[in-house]
Amino acid sequence: MSKEKQNQEELDEQIEAWSMTLGKYELTERCQAAGVRALPIQSAEDRVEHDPQLRHRETYLPMEHPALGTHKVQNAPFKLSQTPAENHAPSPLIGQHTREVVEGMLGYSHDELRDGFADGTFWPTKRPRFSYQEEMLQ
C-alpha cells in the first residue's frame, strides 16, 4: 500500500463523521470556500423550496392557477438584462383556448365549433365537459 493511501480509510471515516454534522447547503458552502468542489444532492423539493441560488435567481415563483390554486412554477431559466423574461400566466386549462384557435386562427364559425364538440372532433363525446367549455359553447 502506498504512503498516500495508508490512512485513507480513517480519513474517509473522519470526513464522513464531520460532514454528517452539517446540513447539505452549509457543507457545500464550507467545501467550496476551501476550494473543494462540492454540490448538494437535491430532491425536487430541495430545488424548489431550499436551494439558495435558485431562490436568489427567482427560478421558482408562486403563481395562482384557476383550477389548482397557488403553486410554485419554474420561471424563465435565463436572465437577460435588456429583455427580461418572466412567466406571467399559469398553464392553460384543457381546451381553454379551443375557441380562439378554432374560430380565431382557423376561421371556423361558432356553429362549426359547437358541431365539432357534438361529433367528437374537438372533445371526446363520452367525456364530460368542463364548465368553462360549456360556457365557451354558449
N, C-alpha and C. Protein backbone atom coordinates (compact mmCIF):
# COMPACT_ATOMS: atom_id res chain seq x y z
N MET A 1 0.85 -1.18 0.00
CA MET A 1 0.00 0.00 0.00
C MET A 1 0.89 1.24 0.00
N SER A 2 0.55 2.21 -0.84
CA SER A 2 1.37 3.42 -0.93
C SER A 2 1.16 4.29 0.30
N LYS A 3 2.14 5.15 0.57
CA LYS A 3 2.05 6.05 1.72
C LYS A 3 0.82 6.95 1.64
N GLU A 4 0.45 7.39 0.41
CA GLU A 4 -0.68 8.28 0.23
C GLU A 4 -1.98 7.61 0.66
N LYS A 5 -2.08 6.30 0.49
CA LYS A 5 -3.31 5.56 0.79
C LYS A 5 -3.31 4.93 2.18
N GLN A 6 -2.23 5.06 2.90
CA GLN A 6 -2.06 4.37 4.16
C GLN A 6 -3.17 4.69 5.17
N ASN A 7 -3.56 5.93 5.27
CA ASN A 7 -4.58 6.33 6.26
C ASN A 7 -5.89 6.75 5.60
N GLN A 8 -6.09 6.33 4.37
CA GLN A 8 -7.27 6.76 3.60
C GLN A 8 -8.58 6.38 4.28
N GLU A 9 -8.67 5.15 4.78
CA GLU A 9 -9.92 4.69 5.39
C GLU A 9 -10.27 5.52 6.62
N GLU A 10 -9.29 5.75 7.47
CA GLU A 10 -9.52 6.56 8.67
C GLU A 10 -9.89 7.99 8.30
N LEU A 11 -9.21 8.54 7.32
CA LEU A 11 -9.51 9.90 6.86
C LEU A 11 -10.93 9.98 6.31
N ASP A 12 -11.32 8.99 5.50
CA ASP A 12 -12.68 8.96 4.96
C ASP A 12 -13.71 8.91 6.08
N GLU A 13 -13.46 8.10 7.10
CA GLU A 13 -14.39 7.99 8.23
C GLU A 13 -14.53 9.33 8.96
N GLN A 14 -13.42 10.01 9.17
CA GLN A 14 -13.45 11.30 9.88
C GLN A 14 -14.16 12.37 9.04
N ILE A 15 -13.91 12.39 7.74
CA ILE A 15 -14.59 13.35 6.87
C ILE A 15 -16.08 13.07 6.86
N GLU A 16 -16.46 11.79 6.78
CA GLU A 16 -17.88 11.45 6.81
C GLU A 16 -18.53 11.86 8.12
N ALA A 17 -17.88 11.60 9.25
CA ALA A 17 -18.43 11.96 10.56
C ALA A 17 -18.60 13.48 10.66
N TRP A 18 -17.62 14.24 10.20
CA TRP A 18 -17.71 15.70 10.22
C TRP A 18 -18.83 16.19 9.31
N SER A 19 -18.90 15.63 8.11
CA SER A 19 -19.90 16.12 7.15
C SER A 19 -21.32 15.83 7.63
N MET A 20 -21.51 14.79 8.42
CA MET A 20 -22.84 14.44 8.92
C MET A 20 -23.34 15.43 9.97
N THR A 21 -22.46 16.28 10.47
CA THR A 21 -22.88 17.27 11.48
C THR A 21 -23.42 18.54 10.84
N LEU A 22 -23.36 18.64 9.53
CA LEU A 22 -23.76 19.86 8.81
C LEU A 22 -24.91 19.57 7.87
N GLY A 23 -25.70 20.59 7.61
CA GLY A 23 -26.72 20.49 6.57
C GLY A 23 -26.05 20.52 5.21
N LYS A 24 -26.74 20.03 4.20
CA LYS A 24 -26.11 19.90 2.88
C LYS A 24 -25.68 21.23 2.28
N TYR A 25 -26.44 22.30 2.55
CA TYR A 25 -26.07 23.60 1.97
C TYR A 25 -24.89 24.22 2.71
N GLU A 26 -24.87 24.08 4.03
CA GLU A 26 -23.72 24.59 4.79
C GLU A 26 -22.46 23.82 4.42
N LEU A 27 -22.58 22.51 4.30
CA LEU A 27 -21.43 21.69 3.91
C LEU A 27 -20.92 22.11 2.53
N THR A 28 -21.83 22.33 1.61
CA THR A 28 -21.44 22.77 0.26
C THR A 28 -20.68 24.09 0.32
N GLU A 29 -21.23 25.05 1.08
CA GLU A 29 -20.57 26.37 1.18
C GLU A 29 -19.18 26.26 1.79
N ARG A 30 -19.04 25.48 2.86
CA ARG A 30 -17.73 25.33 3.51
C ARG A 30 -16.72 24.67 2.58
N CYS A 31 -17.14 23.63 1.91
CA CYS A 31 -16.23 22.94 0.98
C CYS A 31 -15.81 23.88 -0.15
N GLN A 32 -16.76 24.57 -0.74
CA GLN A 32 -16.43 25.47 -1.84
C GLN A 32 -15.52 26.61 -1.38
N ALA A 33 -15.76 27.13 -0.18
CA ALA A 33 -14.91 28.20 0.36
C ALA A 33 -13.47 27.72 0.55
N ALA A 34 -13.30 26.42 0.81
CA ALA A 34 -11.96 25.86 1.00
C ALA A 34 -11.35 25.37 -0.31
N GLY A 35 -12.07 25.59 -1.42
CA GLY A 35 -11.55 25.18 -2.72
C GLY A 35 -11.86 23.75 -3.09
N VAL A 36 -12.76 23.11 -2.34
CA VAL A 36 -13.15 21.73 -2.65
C VAL A 36 -14.42 21.78 -3.49
N ARG A 37 -14.39 21.13 -4.62
CA ARG A 37 -15.58 21.09 -5.47
C ARG A 37 -16.67 20.29 -4.76
N ALA A 38 -17.84 20.91 -4.60
CA ALA A 38 -18.92 20.22 -3.88
C ALA A 38 -20.26 20.81 -4.30
N LEU A 39 -21.23 19.93 -4.41
CA LEU A 39 -22.62 20.32 -4.65
C LEU A 39 -23.51 19.43 -3.81
N PRO A 40 -24.64 19.94 -3.35
CA PRO A 40 -25.54 19.10 -2.58
C PRO A 40 -26.34 18.17 -3.50
N ILE A 41 -26.69 17.00 -2.99
CA ILE A 41 -27.61 16.13 -3.71
C ILE A 41 -29.00 16.62 -3.34
N GLN A 42 -29.79 16.98 -4.35
CA GLN A 42 -31.07 17.63 -4.10
C GLN A 42 -32.25 16.83 -4.63
N SER A 43 -33.32 16.88 -3.86
CA SER A 43 -34.59 16.36 -4.35
C SER A 43 -35.28 17.49 -5.11
N ALA A 44 -36.38 17.19 -5.75
CA ALA A 44 -37.15 18.23 -6.44
C ALA A 44 -37.59 19.29 -5.43
N GLU A 45 -38.03 18.86 -4.25
CA GLU A 45 -38.44 19.81 -3.21
C GLU A 45 -37.28 20.70 -2.79
N ASP A 46 -36.08 20.13 -2.64
CA ASP A 46 -34.92 20.94 -2.29
C ASP A 46 -34.69 22.05 -3.31
N ARG A 47 -34.76 21.70 -4.59
CA ARG A 47 -34.51 22.70 -5.63
C ARG A 47 -35.55 23.81 -5.58
N VAL A 48 -36.81 23.46 -5.42
CA VAL A 48 -37.88 24.45 -5.45
C VAL A 48 -37.93 25.26 -4.16
N GLU A 49 -37.77 24.60 -3.03
CA GLU A 49 -38.00 25.26 -1.74
C GLU A 49 -36.76 25.73 -1.01
N HIS A 50 -35.59 25.11 -1.25
CA HIS A 50 -34.46 25.37 -0.35
C HIS A 50 -33.16 25.81 -1.02
N ASP A 51 -33.02 25.66 -2.32
CA ASP A 51 -31.76 25.98 -2.97
C ASP A 51 -31.52 27.49 -2.92
N PRO A 52 -30.45 27.94 -2.25
CA PRO A 52 -30.23 29.39 -2.10
C PRO A 52 -29.99 30.12 -3.43
N GLN A 53 -29.27 29.49 -4.36
CA GLN A 53 -29.01 30.14 -5.64
C GLN A 53 -30.28 30.26 -6.47
N LEU A 54 -31.07 29.20 -6.52
CA LEU A 54 -32.32 29.25 -7.28
C LEU A 54 -33.30 30.24 -6.66
N ARG A 55 -33.30 30.34 -5.33
CA ARG A 55 -34.15 31.33 -4.66
C ARG A 55 -33.69 32.75 -5.03
N HIS A 56 -32.39 32.97 -4.99
CA HIS A 56 -31.85 34.29 -5.34
C HIS A 56 -32.19 34.67 -6.78
N ARG A 57 -32.16 33.71 -7.67
CA ARG A 57 -32.44 33.97 -9.09
C ARG A 57 -33.93 33.94 -9.41
N GLU A 58 -34.76 33.72 -8.38
CA GLU A 58 -36.22 33.65 -8.54
C GLU A 58 -36.60 32.65 -9.64
N THR A 59 -35.99 31.47 -9.56
CA THR A 59 -36.23 30.43 -10.55
C THR A 59 -37.64 29.85 -10.42
N TYR A 60 -38.13 29.75 -9.19
CA TYR A 60 -39.48 29.23 -8.95
C TYR A 60 -40.30 30.30 -8.23
N LEU A 61 -41.40 30.68 -8.84
CA LEU A 61 -42.25 31.73 -8.29
C LEU A 61 -43.66 31.21 -8.06
N PRO A 62 -44.31 31.67 -6.99
CA PRO A 62 -45.70 31.25 -6.78
C PRO A 62 -46.61 31.87 -7.85
N MET A 63 -47.54 31.07 -8.33
CA MET A 63 -48.49 31.56 -9.34
C MET A 63 -49.85 30.97 -9.03
N GLU A 64 -50.86 31.78 -9.18
CA GLU A 64 -52.24 31.35 -8.97
C GLU A 64 -52.76 30.69 -10.24
N HIS A 65 -53.26 29.48 -10.10
CA HIS A 65 -53.86 28.77 -11.21
C HIS A 65 -55.36 28.68 -10.95
N PRO A 66 -56.19 28.92 -11.96
CA PRO A 66 -57.64 28.94 -11.72
C PRO A 66 -58.22 27.63 -11.22
N ALA A 67 -57.60 26.51 -11.51
CA ALA A 67 -58.14 25.22 -11.07
C ALA A 67 -57.31 24.59 -9.96
N LEU A 68 -56.02 24.88 -9.89
CA LEU A 68 -55.13 24.20 -8.97
C LEU A 68 -54.74 25.01 -7.74
N GLY A 69 -55.06 26.29 -7.72
CA GLY A 69 -54.65 27.15 -6.61
C GLY A 69 -53.24 27.68 -6.82
N THR A 70 -52.62 28.11 -5.73
CA THR A 70 -51.30 28.69 -5.81
C THR A 70 -50.23 27.61 -5.68
N HIS A 71 -49.33 27.59 -6.64
CA HIS A 71 -48.20 26.65 -6.64
C HIS A 71 -46.99 27.37 -7.22
N LYS A 72 -45.81 26.91 -6.83
CA LYS A 72 -44.60 27.47 -7.43
C LYS A 72 -44.40 26.84 -8.80
N VAL A 73 -44.07 27.68 -9.77
CA VAL A 73 -43.79 27.23 -11.13
C VAL A 73 -42.42 27.75 -11.55
N GLN A 74 -41.81 27.07 -12.50
CA GLN A 74 -40.49 27.50 -12.95
C GLN A 74 -40.61 28.76 -13.78
N ASN A 75 -39.80 29.72 -13.42
CA ASN A 75 -39.71 30.96 -14.17
C ASN A 75 -38.77 30.73 -15.36
N ALA A 76 -38.57 31.72 -16.16
CA ALA A 76 -37.63 31.60 -17.28
C ALA A 76 -36.28 31.16 -16.72
N PRO A 77 -35.64 30.16 -17.31
CA PRO A 77 -34.39 29.63 -16.75
C PRO A 77 -33.16 30.47 -17.09
N PHE A 78 -33.36 31.63 -17.65
CA PHE A 78 -32.24 32.50 -18.01
C PHE A 78 -32.57 33.93 -17.59
N LYS A 79 -31.56 34.74 -17.44
CA LYS A 79 -31.72 36.15 -17.07
C LYS A 79 -31.09 37.01 -18.16
N LEU A 80 -31.87 37.91 -18.73
CA LEU A 80 -31.38 38.82 -19.76
C LEU A 80 -31.58 40.25 -19.25
N SER A 81 -30.52 41.03 -19.24
CA SER A 81 -30.61 42.38 -18.67
C SER A 81 -31.42 43.32 -19.57
N GLN A 82 -31.32 43.19 -20.86
CA GLN A 82 -32.02 44.11 -21.75
C GLN A 82 -33.47 43.70 -22.01
N THR A 83 -33.74 42.42 -22.02
CA THR A 83 -35.10 41.93 -22.29
C THR A 83 -35.45 40.85 -21.26
N PRO A 84 -35.76 41.28 -20.03
CA PRO A 84 -36.05 40.29 -19.00
C PRO A 84 -37.28 39.45 -19.35
N ALA A 85 -37.20 38.18 -19.08
CA ALA A 85 -38.31 37.26 -19.35
C ALA A 85 -38.85 36.76 -18.01
N GLU A 86 -40.16 36.63 -17.94
CA GLU A 86 -40.77 36.12 -16.72
C GLU A 86 -42.09 35.45 -17.08
N ASN A 87 -42.31 34.28 -16.49
CA ASN A 87 -43.60 33.64 -16.68
C ASN A 87 -44.65 34.48 -15.94
N HIS A 88 -45.69 34.85 -16.63
CA HIS A 88 -46.71 35.73 -16.02
C HIS A 88 -48.10 35.14 -16.07
N ALA A 89 -48.26 33.99 -16.68
CA ALA A 89 -49.59 33.37 -16.78
C ALA A 89 -49.48 31.89 -16.44
N PRO A 90 -50.50 31.34 -15.78
CA PRO A 90 -50.47 29.91 -15.47
C PRO A 90 -50.67 29.07 -16.72
N SER A 91 -50.35 27.80 -16.61
CA SER A 91 -50.58 26.91 -17.74
C SER A 91 -52.07 26.86 -18.04
N PRO A 92 -52.43 26.69 -19.30
CA PRO A 92 -53.85 26.72 -19.66
C PRO A 92 -54.59 25.49 -19.17
N LEU A 93 -55.88 25.64 -19.01
CA LEU A 93 -56.74 24.51 -18.70
C LEU A 93 -56.93 23.70 -19.98
N ILE A 94 -57.31 22.45 -19.85
CA ILE A 94 -57.52 21.59 -21.02
C ILE A 94 -58.61 22.21 -21.88
N GLY A 95 -58.29 22.50 -23.12
CA GLY A 95 -59.26 23.06 -24.05
C GLY A 95 -59.63 24.51 -23.81
N GLN A 96 -58.89 25.19 -22.95
CA GLN A 96 -59.22 26.58 -22.60
C GLN A 96 -59.21 27.50 -23.82
N HIS A 97 -58.32 27.26 -24.75
CA HIS A 97 -58.17 28.15 -25.90
C HIS A 97 -58.73 27.56 -27.19
N THR A 98 -59.54 26.54 -27.08
CA THR A 98 -60.08 25.88 -28.28
C THR A 98 -60.85 26.86 -29.15
N ARG A 99 -61.67 27.69 -28.55
CA ARG A 99 -62.47 28.63 -29.34
C ARG A 99 -61.57 29.63 -30.07
N GLU A 100 -60.56 30.15 -29.37
CA GLU A 100 -59.65 31.11 -30.01
C GLU A 100 -58.94 30.48 -31.20
N VAL A 101 -58.54 29.22 -31.05
CA VAL A 101 -57.84 28.54 -32.14
C VAL A 101 -58.80 28.22 -33.28
N VAL A 102 -59.92 27.57 -32.95
CA VAL A 102 -60.84 27.10 -33.99
C VAL A 102 -61.50 28.27 -34.72
N GLU A 103 -62.02 29.22 -33.97
CA GLU A 103 -62.71 30.34 -34.63
C GLU A 103 -61.73 31.43 -35.06
N GLY A 104 -60.81 31.79 -34.18
CA GLY A 104 -59.90 32.90 -34.48
C GLY A 104 -58.83 32.56 -35.48
N MET A 105 -58.07 31.51 -35.21
CA MET A 105 -56.94 31.19 -36.07
C MET A 105 -57.35 30.39 -37.31
N LEU A 106 -58.30 29.47 -37.14
CA LEU A 106 -58.69 28.61 -38.26
C LEU A 106 -59.87 29.16 -39.05
N GLY A 107 -60.58 30.13 -38.48
CA GLY A 107 -61.66 30.78 -39.20
C GLY A 107 -62.98 30.03 -39.25
N TYR A 108 -63.17 29.02 -38.41
CA TYR A 108 -64.45 28.31 -38.38
C TYR A 108 -65.49 29.17 -37.66
N SER A 109 -66.75 28.91 -37.93
CA SER A 109 -67.84 29.65 -37.28
C SER A 109 -68.10 29.06 -35.90
N HIS A 110 -68.89 29.79 -35.11
CA HIS A 110 -69.25 29.31 -33.78
C HIS A 110 -70.11 28.04 -33.89
N ASP A 111 -70.97 27.99 -34.89
CA ASP A 111 -71.78 26.78 -35.10
C ASP A 111 -70.89 25.58 -35.43
N GLU A 112 -69.84 25.80 -36.22
CA GLU A 112 -68.91 24.71 -36.55
C GLU A 112 -68.14 24.26 -35.31
N LEU A 113 -67.83 25.20 -34.42
CA LEU A 113 -67.19 24.84 -33.16
C LEU A 113 -68.12 23.94 -32.35
N ARG A 114 -69.38 24.33 -32.22
CA ARG A 114 -70.37 23.51 -31.49
C ARG A 114 -70.51 22.13 -32.12
N ASP A 115 -70.59 22.10 -33.45
CA ASP A 115 -70.71 20.82 -34.15
C ASP A 115 -69.50 19.93 -33.88
N GLY A 116 -68.31 20.54 -33.82
CA GLY A 116 -67.08 19.79 -33.55
C GLY A 116 -67.07 19.19 -32.15
N PHE A 117 -67.69 19.87 -31.20
CA PHE A 117 -67.82 19.30 -29.87
C PHE A 117 -68.88 18.20 -29.86
N ALA A 118 -69.96 18.41 -30.59
CA ALA A 118 -71.06 17.43 -30.63
C ALA A 118 -70.63 16.11 -31.29
N ASP A 119 -69.79 16.19 -32.35
CA ASP A 119 -69.42 14.95 -33.06
C ASP A 119 -68.10 14.35 -32.58
N GLY A 120 -67.47 14.95 -31.57
CA GLY A 120 -66.24 14.39 -31.01
C GLY A 120 -64.97 14.86 -31.67
N THR A 121 -65.04 15.80 -32.60
CA THR A 121 -63.84 16.30 -33.27
C THR A 121 -62.95 17.06 -32.29
N PHE A 122 -63.54 17.91 -31.44
CA PHE A 122 -62.75 18.75 -30.54
C PHE A 122 -62.72 18.25 -29.10
N TRP A 123 -63.58 17.30 -28.75
CA TRP A 123 -63.61 16.76 -27.39
C TRP A 123 -64.33 15.43 -27.43
N PRO A 124 -63.82 14.41 -26.76
CA PRO A 124 -64.48 13.09 -26.81
C PRO A 124 -65.94 13.18 -26.34
N THR A 125 -66.84 12.58 -27.10
CA THR A 125 -68.27 12.68 -26.78
C THR A 125 -68.62 11.98 -25.48
N LYS A 126 -67.86 10.99 -25.07
CA LYS A 126 -68.16 10.25 -23.84
C LYS A 126 -67.50 10.86 -22.61
N ARG A 127 -66.71 11.88 -22.80
CA ARG A 127 -66.03 12.53 -21.67
C ARG A 127 -66.81 13.77 -21.27
N PRO A 128 -67.14 13.93 -19.99
CA PRO A 128 -67.85 15.15 -19.57
C PRO A 128 -67.02 16.40 -19.86
N ARG A 129 -67.71 17.47 -20.20
CA ARG A 129 -67.02 18.74 -20.47
C ARG A 129 -66.87 19.51 -19.16
N PHE A 130 -65.85 20.35 -19.14
CA PHE A 130 -65.64 21.25 -18.01
C PHE A 130 -66.59 22.44 -18.15
N SER A 131 -66.88 23.09 -17.03
CA SER A 131 -67.83 24.21 -17.05
C SER A 131 -67.37 25.33 -17.99
N TYR A 132 -66.08 25.60 -18.05
CA TYR A 132 -65.58 26.66 -18.93
C TYR A 132 -65.77 26.29 -20.40
N GLN A 133 -65.77 24.99 -20.70
CA GLN A 133 -66.03 24.57 -22.08
C GLN A 133 -67.51 24.79 -22.43
N GLU A 134 -68.38 24.48 -21.49
CA GLU A 134 -69.81 24.71 -21.71
C GLU A 134 -70.08 26.19 -21.96
N GLU A 135 -69.44 27.04 -21.16
CA GLU A 135 -69.59 28.49 -21.34
C GLU A 135 -69.09 28.92 -22.72
N MET A 136 -67.99 28.33 -23.17
CA MET A 136 -67.39 28.66 -24.47
C MET A 136 -68.36 28.33 -25.59
N LEU A 137 -69.18 27.31 -25.41
CA LEU A 137 -70.09 26.86 -26.47
C LEU A 137 -71.41 27.61 -26.49
N GLN A 138 -71.67 28.46 -25.53
CA GLN A 138 -72.93 29.23 -25.49
C GLN A 138 -73.01 30.21 -26.64
